[in-house]
Amino acid sequence: MSVIGCGYLGAVHAAAMASIGHDVIGIDVDERKAAALADGIAPFFEPRLEELLREGIAAGRLRFSTRMADAEGATVHFLAVGTPQQPGAHAADLRFVDAAVEALLPHLRADDVLAGKSTVPVGTAARLADRVAAAGATLVWNPEFLREGWAVHDTLTPDRIVVGATEGDAGARAVDVLRDVYRPAVDAGTPFLVTDLATAELVKGAANAFLATKISFINAMAEIAEAAGADVRLLADAIGHDTRIGRRYLGSGIGFGGGCLPKDIRAFAARAEELGRGEAVGFLHEVDAINLRRRDRAVQLVVDALGGRVFGRRVAVLGAAFKPFSDDIRDSPALDVAVRLRGLGADVVVTDPAAIDNASAAHPQLGYARDRDDALRDADAVVIVTEWDEYRRHLSPEHAGALVRGRVVIDGRNCLDAGAWRAAGWTYHGMGTR
């Protein structure tokens, strides 16, 4: 098989497919990325990925190239290129999808299967299907549901596999091919759901929209809890016992970020507008607004905790990646908070176990420390914005208190034991907590 596009999605997919016995070639236009992957070096931080890369390369089942012609001979092709947000708009930019398909078409053979994994607006697959069919191949849509930091696990042991296909013999055969591709997971009992093309595209958008809504809902409740003197964590525990609601993803804080969820819900809403059904997902605009407001609130908590005097004060920001177990800083709430504090004149020092290089390249105006304790030293306030275990589990308030100048902590992820920190003499502020 071939995997077209070896960014976050494609590199993980290629390595995972090789690990279950497939012969895989990954193709990317970026020569440096392809060369690094060919050497078994992951161009981003993802647990277990480099291990799978090296195993696949050593076994002769995995290689990488920049030449689309090298996809010839593969019978299954996975399309995994990015769909960023259009500049100055909310809609998805499909130029890379279209370019990849056009480049692949001359190399498709009769009965090949092209499986789209990129997150695209509904209707994209139908538009591409005829072009692929003209080459004798069949298009299906097979959306991904990866969590950064858990992407290898989610690829090898997914909670569901969705394949959208056209009606008829060609579509049915392509579905059978995908079922064989994912045979280990299917045999292990993973639900294998067959839909039409449009539904498969909507599954991904709908899943992200629901997840974003759940996160923003609890953050909206945090706003109410703060005004009412309640504790949003206890609120989440109480409503989470309702099996219709559930406790997962009801953790309040500074909100979601990353390269997928924010841009995907915006693209979902933009496509609904194009279909004349924008009112059906109008709530997603408020979901987005709530999410961004939490970053404002975190900054305000720092300002208030420092008595309104931020200029020249040293603030240690623990975290740069948008979530733990990742070095992804795209639309990172953590870095957004750091940049805003720097804009107010604070002496900001950012630390992160994995994302320092990416963060410093994107925001050189900030101070950085690779060692957590170096970041804490002489700080007037500490802000936890990415819930790495290094901060939430392995940092005691006593140890931190011996390093800082001022015992003020802003818990932007509500991940600390507030009682323990207060007992150690810290002024503790959570997000929607008492």
Protein backbone atom coordinates (compact mmCIF):
# COMPACT_ATOMS: atom_id res chain seq x y z
CA MET A 1 0.00 0.00 0.00
CA SER A 2 0.97 3.64 -0.33
CA VAL A 3 0.30 6.47 2.10
CA ILE A 4 0.16 9.84 0.37
CA GLY A 5 1.17 12.59 2.78
CA CYS A 6 3.41 11.76 5.73
CA GLY A 7 2.52 14.40 8.23
CA TYR A 8 1.10 13.50 11.61
CA LEU A 9 -1.68 11.29 10.25
CA GLY A 10 0.22 9.72 7.37
CA ALA A 11 3.46 8.89 9.17
CA VAL A 12 1.59 7.17 11.99
CA HIS A 13 -0.66 5.30 9.57
CA ALA A 14 2.26 4.12 7.43
CA ALA A 15 4.26 2.86 10.41
CA ALA A 16 1.24 1.19 12.00
CA MET A 17 0.22 -0.58 8.78
CA ALA A 18 3.75 -1.89 8.32
CA SER A 19 3.71 -3.16 11.91
CA ILE A 20 0.75 -5.44 11.15
CA GLY A 21 2.47 -6.93 8.12
CA HIS A 22 1.64 -4.72 5.15
CA ASP A 23 4.24 -3.57 2.62
CA VAL A 24 4.04 0.22 2.82
CA ILE A 25 5.56 3.16 0.98
CA GLY A 26 5.00 6.62 2.39
CA ILE A 27 5.15 9.53 -0.05
CA ASP A 28 5.58 13.19 0.83
CA VAL A 29 6.66 16.25 -1.13
CA ASP A 30 8.87 17.43 1.75
CA GLU A 31 12.33 15.98 1.07
CA ARG A 32 13.62 16.58 4.60
CA LYS A 33 10.62 14.90 6.18
CA ALA A 34 10.82 11.90 3.86
CA ALA A 35 14.55 11.54 4.52
CA ALA A 36 14.07 11.70 8.28
CA LEU A 37 11.32 9.11 8.19
CA ALA A 38 13.45 6.86 5.99
CA ASP A 39 16.12 7.03 8.72
CA GLY A 40 13.56 6.03 11.34
CA ILE A 41 13.36 9.53 12.80
CA ALA A 42 9.90 10.93 13.55
CA PRO A 43 9.60 14.61 12.59
CA PHE A 44 7.30 15.17 15.60
CA PHE A 45 6.89 13.72 19.07
CA GLU A 46 4.49 10.79 19.29
CA PRO A 47 4.95 7.90 21.74
CA ARG A 48 5.98 4.58 20.10
CA LEU A 49 6.18 6.04 16.59
CA GLU A 50 9.96 5.89 16.16
CA GLU A 51 9.96 2.32 17.46
CA LEU A 52 7.47 1.29 14.78
CA LEU A 53 9.32 3.23 12.08
CA ARG A 54 12.60 1.50 12.82
CA GLU A 55 11.03 -1.93 13.09
CA GLY A 56 9.22 -1.50 9.77
CA ILE A 57 12.29 -0.22 7.97
CA ALA A 58 14.50 -2.97 9.37
CA ALA A 59 11.97 -5.60 8.31
CA GLY A 60 11.86 -4.20 4.77
CA ARG A 61 8.14 -3.48 4.99
CA LEU A 62 8.37 0.31 5.21
CA ARG A 63 10.08 2.91 3.05
CA PHE A 64 9.57 6.55 2.13
CA SER A 65 9.88 8.55 -1.07
CA THR A 66 9.15 11.94 -2.61
CA ARG A 67 8.20 10.42 -5.99
CA MET A 68 4.53 9.76 -6.63
CA ALA A 69 5.55 7.26 -9.30
CA ASP A 70 6.78 5.01 -6.50
CA ALA A 71 3.14 4.44 -5.54
CA GLU A 72 2.75 2.29 -8.65
CA GLY A 73 2.35 -1.33 -7.74
CA ALA A 74 0.44 -0.61 -4.56
CA THR A 75 -3.14 -1.87 -4.64
CA VAL A 76 -4.39 0.31 -1.78
CA HIS A 77 -3.55 4.01 -1.50
CA PHE A 78 -4.31 6.06 1.61
CA LEU A 79 -4.77 9.81 1.17
CA ALA A 80 -3.52 11.53 4.34
CA VAL A 81 -2.63 15.09 3.32
CA GLY A 82 -3.53 18.10 5.42
CA THR A 83 -6.64 20.25 5.11
CA PRO A 84 -5.72 23.50 6.89
CA GLN A 85 -8.05 26.41 7.41
CA GLN A 86 -8.20 28.77 4.46
CA PRO A 87 -6.34 32.05 5.05
CA GLY A 88 -8.84 34.68 6.13
CA ALA A 89 -11.76 32.23 6.21
CA HIS A 90 -13.13 29.34 8.23
CA ALA A 91 -13.50 26.87 5.35
CA ALA A 92 -11.06 24.02 4.77
CA ASP A 93 -8.32 24.50 2.19
CA LEU A 94 -8.55 21.50 -0.18
CA ARG A 95 -5.70 22.44 -2.49
CA PHE A 96 -3.42 19.76 -1.08
CA VAL A 97 -6.10 17.08 -1.38
CA ASP A 98 -6.82 17.97 -4.98
CA ALA A 99 -3.14 18.20 -5.88
CA ALA A 100 -2.36 14.82 -4.33
CA VAL A 101 -5.21 13.11 -6.16
CA GLU A 102 -4.22 14.68 -9.49
CA ALA A 103 -0.62 13.57 -9.00
CA LEU A 104 -1.69 10.03 -8.11
CA LEU A 105 -4.20 9.48 -10.93
CA PRO A 106 -1.64 8.61 -13.63
CA HIS A 107 -0.21 5.91 -11.36
CA LEU A 108 -3.46 4.18 -10.44
CA ARG A 109 -4.25 0.82 -11.98
CA ALA A 110 -7.53 -0.96 -12.57
CA ASP A 111 -9.08 -2.21 -9.32
CA ASP A 112 -6.82 -0.10 -7.08
CA VAL A 113 -8.52 1.36 -4.01
CA LEU A 114 -7.95 4.94 -2.93
CA ALA A 115 -9.00 5.44 0.70
CA GLY A 116 -9.35 9.01 1.84
CA LYS A 117 -8.35 9.64 5.45
CA SER A 118 -8.00 13.42 5.37
CA THR A 119 -10.66 15.42 7.19
CA VAL A 120 -12.68 17.06 4.41
CA PRO A 121 -15.98 18.91 4.05
CA VAL A 122 -18.93 16.69 3.18
CA GLY A 123 -19.27 16.38 -0.58
CA THR A 124 -15.53 16.23 -1.28
CA ALA A 125 -15.46 12.45 -1.76
CA ALA A 126 -18.35 12.52 -4.22
CA ARG A 127 -16.51 15.18 -6.21
CA LEU A 128 -13.35 13.07 -6.35
CA ALA A 129 -15.00 9.67 -6.93
CA ASP A 130 -15.65 10.12 -10.66
CA ARG A 131 -12.07 11.22 -11.33
CA VAL A 132 -10.75 8.16 -9.52
CA ALA A 133 -13.23 5.87 -11.31
CA ALA A 134 -12.08 7.22 -14.67
CA ALA A 135 -8.67 5.76 -13.87
CA GLY A 136 -10.27 2.38 -13.19
CA ALA A 137 -9.83 2.65 -9.42
CA THR A 138 -12.41 3.01 -6.64
CA LEU A 139 -12.61 5.72 -3.99
CA VAL A 140 -13.74 5.05 -0.44
CA TRP A 141 -13.62 7.36 2.57
CA ASN A 142 -12.05 6.06 5.76
CA PRO A 143 -11.88 8.90 8.33
CA GLU A 144 -9.30 8.91 11.11
CA PHE A 145 -10.08 9.32 14.79
CA LEU A 146 -6.63 9.78 16.26
CA ARG A 147 -5.77 11.45 19.54
CA GLU A 148 -2.35 13.06 19.57
CA GLY A 149 -0.23 11.27 22.12
CA TRP A 150 -2.26 8.11 21.54
CA ALA A 151 -2.14 7.96 17.75
CA VAL A 152 -0.26 4.66 17.45
CA HIS A 153 -2.64 3.02 19.92
CA ASP A 154 -5.69 4.46 18.16
CA THR A 155 -4.48 3.22 14.76
CA LEU A 156 -3.70 -0.30 15.90
CA THR A 157 -6.65 -0.69 18.29
CA PRO A 158 -9.33 1.73 17.07
CA ASP A 159 -12.71 2.03 18.76
CA ARG A 160 -14.40 1.87 15.35
CA ILE A 161 -13.53 1.72 11.66
CA VAL A 162 -15.75 3.67 9.27
CA VAL A 163 -15.64 3.11 5.51
CA GLY A 164 -17.83 5.15 3.18
CA ALA A 165 -18.35 3.72 -0.29
CA THR A 166 -20.51 4.07 -3.39
CA GLU A 167 -23.19 1.52 -4.20
CA GLY A 168 -22.44 -1.31 -6.61
CA ASP A 169 -19.89 -4.03 -7.09
CA ALA A 170 -16.85 -1.74 -7.17
CA GLY A 171 -17.79 -0.10 -3.88
CA ALA A 172 -18.53 -3.45 -2.23
CA ARG A 173 -15.20 -4.87 -3.38
CA ALA A 174 -13.34 -1.82 -2.07
CA VAL A 175 -15.03 -2.22 1.31
CA ASP A 176 -13.87 -5.85 1.41
CA VAL A 177 -10.32 -4.71 0.62
CA LEU A 178 -10.39 -2.27 3.56
CA ARG A 179 -11.79 -4.97 5.81
CA ASP A 180 -8.76 -7.12 4.91
CA VAL A 181 -6.38 -4.19 5.48
CA TYR A 182 -7.68 -3.82 9.02
CA ARG A 183 -8.05 -7.57 9.60
CA PRO A 184 -6.27 -7.69 13.00
CA ALA A 185 -8.55 -5.02 14.45
CA VAL A 186 -11.67 -6.48 12.81
CA ASP A 187 -10.89 -9.96 14.12
CA ALA A 188 -10.37 -8.46 17.58
CA GLY A 189 -13.95 -7.19 17.51
CA THR A 190 -13.55 -3.58 16.40
CA PRO A 191 -16.87 -2.40 14.90
CA PHE A 192 -16.54 -2.08 11.12
CA LEU A 193 -19.17 0.38 9.91
CA VAL A 194 -20.02 0.73 6.22
CA THR A 195 -21.75 3.93 5.09
CA ASP A 196 -22.19 6.08 2.03
CA LEU A 197 -19.46 8.59 1.21
CA ALA A 198 -21.24 11.62 2.66
CA THR A 199 -21.98 9.94 5.98
CA ALA A 200 -18.36 8.85 6.37
CA GLU A 201 -17.24 12.44 5.86
CA LEU A 202 -19.84 13.72 8.34
CA VAL A 203 -18.84 11.19 11.01
CA LYS A 204 -15.49 12.88 11.49
CA GLY A 205 -16.90 16.41 11.53
CA ALA A 206 -19.76 15.45 13.81
CA ALA A 207 -17.46 13.66 16.24
CA ASN A 208 -15.19 16.69 16.55
CA ALA A 209 -18.16 19.05 16.84
CA PHE A 210 -19.63 16.99 19.68
CA LEU A 211 -16.32 16.74 21.51
CA ALA A 212 -15.66 20.48 21.20
CA THR A 213 -19.19 21.20 22.41
CA LYS A 214 -18.75 19.00 25.48
CA ILE A 215 -15.47 20.71 26.39
CA SER A 216 -16.88 24.18 25.87
CA PHE A 217 -20.03 23.28 27.79
CA ILE A 218 -18.10 22.50 30.97
CA ASN A 219 -16.01 25.62 30.47
CA ALA A 220 -19.20 27.66 30.18
CA MET A 221 -20.30 26.08 33.46
CA ALA A 222 -16.94 27.14 34.90
CA GLU A 223 -17.83 30.73 34.09
CA ILE A 224 -21.13 30.35 35.94
CA ALA A 225 -19.44 28.54 38.83
CA GLU A 226 -16.95 31.38 39.27
CA ALA A 227 -19.73 33.95 39.40
CA ALA A 228 -21.81 31.85 41.82
CA GLY A 229 -19.02 30.69 44.10
CA ALA A 230 -19.41 27.04 43.09
CA ASP A 231 -16.80 24.46 42.10
CA VAL A 232 -17.00 23.22 38.51
CA ARG A 233 -15.02 20.07 39.31
CA LEU A 234 -17.64 18.88 41.77
CA LEU A 235 -20.32 19.89 39.29
CA ALA A 236 -18.66 17.78 36.58
CA ASP A 237 -18.39 14.82 38.95
CA ALA A 238 -22.07 15.05 39.78
CA ILE A 239 -23.44 15.33 36.25
CA GLY A 240 -20.84 12.85 34.97
CA HIS A 241 -22.52 10.07 36.94
CA ASP A 242 -25.45 10.37 34.56
CA THR A 243 -24.70 7.69 31.98
CA ARG A 244 -26.30 9.85 29.29
CA ILE A 245 -23.63 12.48 29.92
CA GLY A 246 -20.51 10.71 31.21
CA ARG A 247 -17.51 12.22 32.98
CA ARG A 248 -14.94 12.02 30.18
CA TYR A 249 -13.98 15.34 28.56
CA LEU A 250 -15.75 17.29 31.30
CA GLY A 251 -12.49 18.69 32.59
CA SER A 252 -12.64 22.47 32.69
CA GLY A 253 -9.61 24.63 32.02
CA ILE A 254 -8.19 26.86 29.31
CA GLY A 255 -9.84 24.91 26.52
CA PHE A 256 -8.87 22.91 23.47
CA GLY A 257 -6.37 23.65 20.73
CA GLY A 258 -4.18 21.78 18.28
CA GLY A 259 -4.14 21.42 14.54
CA CYS A 260 -7.47 19.61 14.23
CA LEU A 261 -10.31 20.43 16.58
CA PRO A 262 -10.44 24.25 16.23
CA LYS A 263 -10.08 24.33 12.46
CA ASP A 264 -12.31 21.29 11.94
CA ILE A 265 -15.31 22.74 13.79
CA ARG A 266 -14.90 26.01 11.88
CA ALA A 267 -14.76 24.15 8.57
CA PHE A 268 -17.78 22.06 9.59
CA ALA A 269 -19.79 25.22 10.27
CA ALA A 270 -18.57 26.83 7.05
CA ARG A 271 -19.68 23.83 5.01
CA ALA A 272 -23.08 23.86 6.70
CA GLU A 273 -23.42 27.49 5.60
CA GLU A 274 -22.58 26.49 2.01
CA LEU A 275 -25.28 23.81 2.18
CA GLY A 276 -27.82 26.37 3.37
CA ARG A 277 -28.03 24.83 6.84
CA GLY A 278 -25.78 27.12 8.80
CA GLU A 279 -28.41 27.61 11.48
CA ALA A 280 -28.23 23.90 12.34
CA VAL A 281 -24.70 24.32 13.70
CA GLY A 282 -24.84 27.98 14.69
CA PHE A 283 -24.02 26.89 18.22
CA LEU A 284 -20.50 25.96 17.08
CA HIS A 285 -19.64 29.64 16.80
CA GLU A 286 -20.38 30.01 20.51
CA VAL A 287 -18.47 26.80 21.24
CA ASP A 288 -15.46 28.42 19.57
CA ALA A 289 -16.00 31.71 21.41
CA ILE A 290 -16.26 30.01 24.82
CA ASN A 291 -13.04 28.16 24.10
CA LEU A 292 -11.16 31.35 23.30
CA ARG A 293 -12.60 33.14 26.35
CA ARG A 294 -10.95 30.65 28.67
CA ARG A 295 -7.54 31.85 27.52
CA ASP A 296 -8.58 35.41 28.40
CA ARG A 297 -9.68 34.19 31.81
CA ALA A 298 -6.35 32.48 32.51
CA VAL A 299 -4.46 35.67 31.71
CA GLN A 300 -6.80 37.71 33.91
CA LEU A 301 -6.28 35.31 36.81
CA VAL A 302 -2.53 35.89 36.58
CA VAL A 303 -2.99 39.66 36.46
CA ASP A 304 -5.36 39.63 39.44
CA ALA A 305 -3.14 37.27 41.44
CA LEU A 306 -0.21 39.65 40.97
CA GLY A 307 -2.25 42.59 42.20
CA GLY A 308 -2.71 44.06 38.74
CA ARG A 309 1.04 44.63 38.34
CA VAL A 310 2.39 42.28 35.67
CA PHE A 311 5.07 44.42 34.05
CA GLY A 312 8.52 43.07 34.88
CA ARG A 313 7.18 40.22 37.00
CA ARG A 314 8.59 36.78 36.29
CA VAL A 315 5.94 34.24 35.28
CA ALA A 316 6.78 30.56 34.83
CA VAL A 317 4.53 28.96 32.21
CA LEU A 318 4.52 25.19 32.54
CA GLY A 319 3.60 23.82 29.14
CA ALA A 320 3.80 24.86 25.50
CA ALA A 321 2.19 21.99 23.59
CA PHE A 322 -1.57 22.09 23.24
CA LYS A 323 -1.81 18.79 25.16
CA PRO A 324 0.53 16.38 26.94
CA PHE A 325 2.38 13.60 25.09
CA SER A 326 2.74 15.87 22.05
CA ASP A 327 5.04 18.58 20.72
CA ASP A 328 2.24 20.14 18.66
CA ILE A 329 1.93 23.89 19.28
CA ARG A 330 -0.67 24.63 16.63
CA ASP A 331 -3.36 26.87 18.14
CA SER A 332 -1.94 26.00 21.55
CA PRO A 333 -3.86 27.62 24.42
CA ALA A 334 -0.71 27.31 26.51
CA LEU A 335 1.42 29.41 24.15
CA ASP A 336 -1.44 31.85 23.59
CA VAL A 337 -1.53 32.55 27.33
CA ALA A 338 2.27 32.92 27.43
CA VAL A 339 2.30 35.33 24.48
CA ARG A 340 -0.48 37.47 25.99
CA LEU A 341 1.34 37.71 29.31
CA ARG A 342 4.52 38.72 27.48
CA GLY A 343 2.48 41.38 25.70
CA LEU A 344 1.50 42.80 29.09
CA GLY A 345 5.16 43.17 29.99
CA ALA A 346 5.70 40.05 32.07
CA ASP A 347 9.06 38.28 32.04
CA VAL A 348 7.71 34.96 30.75
CA VAL A 349 9.71 31.74 30.92
CA VAL A 350 8.14 28.72 29.20
CA THR A 351 9.09 25.10 29.76
CA ASP A 352 7.79 21.88 28.20
CA PRO A 353 9.13 18.30 28.04
CA ALA A 354 8.71 18.02 24.27
CA ALA A 355 7.69 21.28 22.57
CA ILE A 356 10.46 23.76 23.40
CA ASP A 357 12.04 23.68 19.92
CA ASN A 358 8.73 24.21 18.14
CA ALA A 359 7.65 26.91 20.56
CA SER A 360 10.90 28.88 20.44
CA ALA A 361 10.90 28.81 16.64
CA ALA A 362 7.35 30.17 16.52
CA HIS A 363 7.65 32.65 19.40
CA PRO A 364 11.27 33.71 19.90
CA GLN A 365 10.16 36.70 22.00
CA LEU A 366 9.43 34.40 24.94
CA GLY A 367 11.97 33.08 27.39
CA TYR A 368 12.49 29.31 27.55
CA ALA A 369 13.95 26.79 29.95
CA ARG A 370 14.32 23.11 29.14
CA ASP A 371 14.52 22.22 32.80
CA ARG A 372 11.33 22.65 34.80
CA ASP A 373 13.13 23.85 37.91
CA ASP A 374 15.04 26.48 35.95
CA ALA A 375 11.71 27.89 34.79
CA LEU A 376 10.36 27.95 38.34
CA ARG A 377 13.39 29.62 39.88
CA ASP A 378 12.57 33.16 41.17
CA ALA A 379 9.12 33.16 39.55
CA ASP A 380 6.52 35.54 40.99
CA ALA A 381 3.72 33.34 39.63
CA VAL A 382 3.41 29.87 38.13
CA VAL A 383 0.87 29.00 35.45
CA ILE A 384 0.18 25.37 34.57
CA VAL A 385 -1.25 25.28 31.07
CA THR A 386 -0.39 21.79 29.80
CA GLU A 387 -1.11 18.90 32.15
CA TRP A 388 2.08 16.91 31.71
CA ASP A 389 2.69 14.36 34.49
CA GLU A 390 5.90 16.25 35.23
CA TYR A 391 3.73 19.09 36.53
CA ARG A 392 0.53 17.52 37.83
CA ARG A 393 1.95 14.36 39.42
CA HIS A 394 5.67 14.86 39.94
CA LEU A 395 5.87 18.46 41.16
CA SER A 396 5.28 18.89 44.86
CA PRO A 397 4.18 22.28 46.20
CA GLU A 398 7.02 22.13 48.72
CA HIS A 399 9.65 21.59 46.03
CA ALA A 400 8.22 24.34 43.85
CA GLY A 401 7.92 26.65 46.85
CA ALA A 402 11.65 26.37 47.52
CA LEU A 403 12.40 27.69 44.03
CA VAL A 404 9.94 30.52 43.42
CA ARG A 405 9.91 34.08 44.69
CA GLY A 406 6.15 34.24 45.06
CA ARG A 407 3.90 31.31 45.93
CA VAL A 408 1.14 32.03 43.43
CA VAL A 409 -0.11 29.26 41.15
CA ILE A 410 -2.71 29.47 38.40
CA ASP A 411 -3.97 25.99 37.58
CA GLY A 412 -5.13 26.39 33.99
CA ARG A 413 -6.05 22.70 33.72
CA ASN A 414 -7.51 22.09 37.21
CA CYS A 415 -5.01 19.26 37.49
CA LEU A 416 -3.45 20.01 40.88
CA ASP A 417 -4.55 19.12 44.40
CA ALA A 418 -5.70 22.57 45.47
CA GLY A 419 -5.77 21.63 49.16
CA ALA A 420 -2.19 20.39 49.14
CA TRP A 421 -0.90 23.51 47.42
CA ARG A 422 -2.78 25.83 49.75
CA ALA A 423 -1.57 23.88 52.78
CA ALA A 424 1.99 24.47 51.56
CA GLY A 425 1.42 28.22 51.62
CA TRP A 426 0.48 28.80 48.00
CA THR A 427 -2.23 31.11 46.72
CA TYR A 428 -4.06 28.75 44.39
CA HIS A 429 -6.43 29.78 41.58
CA GLY A 430 -8.22 27.23 39.42
CA MET A 431 -10.58 27.63 36.48
CA GLY A 432 -14.10 27.74 37.87
CA THR A 433 -13.06 26.28 41.21
CA ARG A 434 -13.14 27.44 44.81
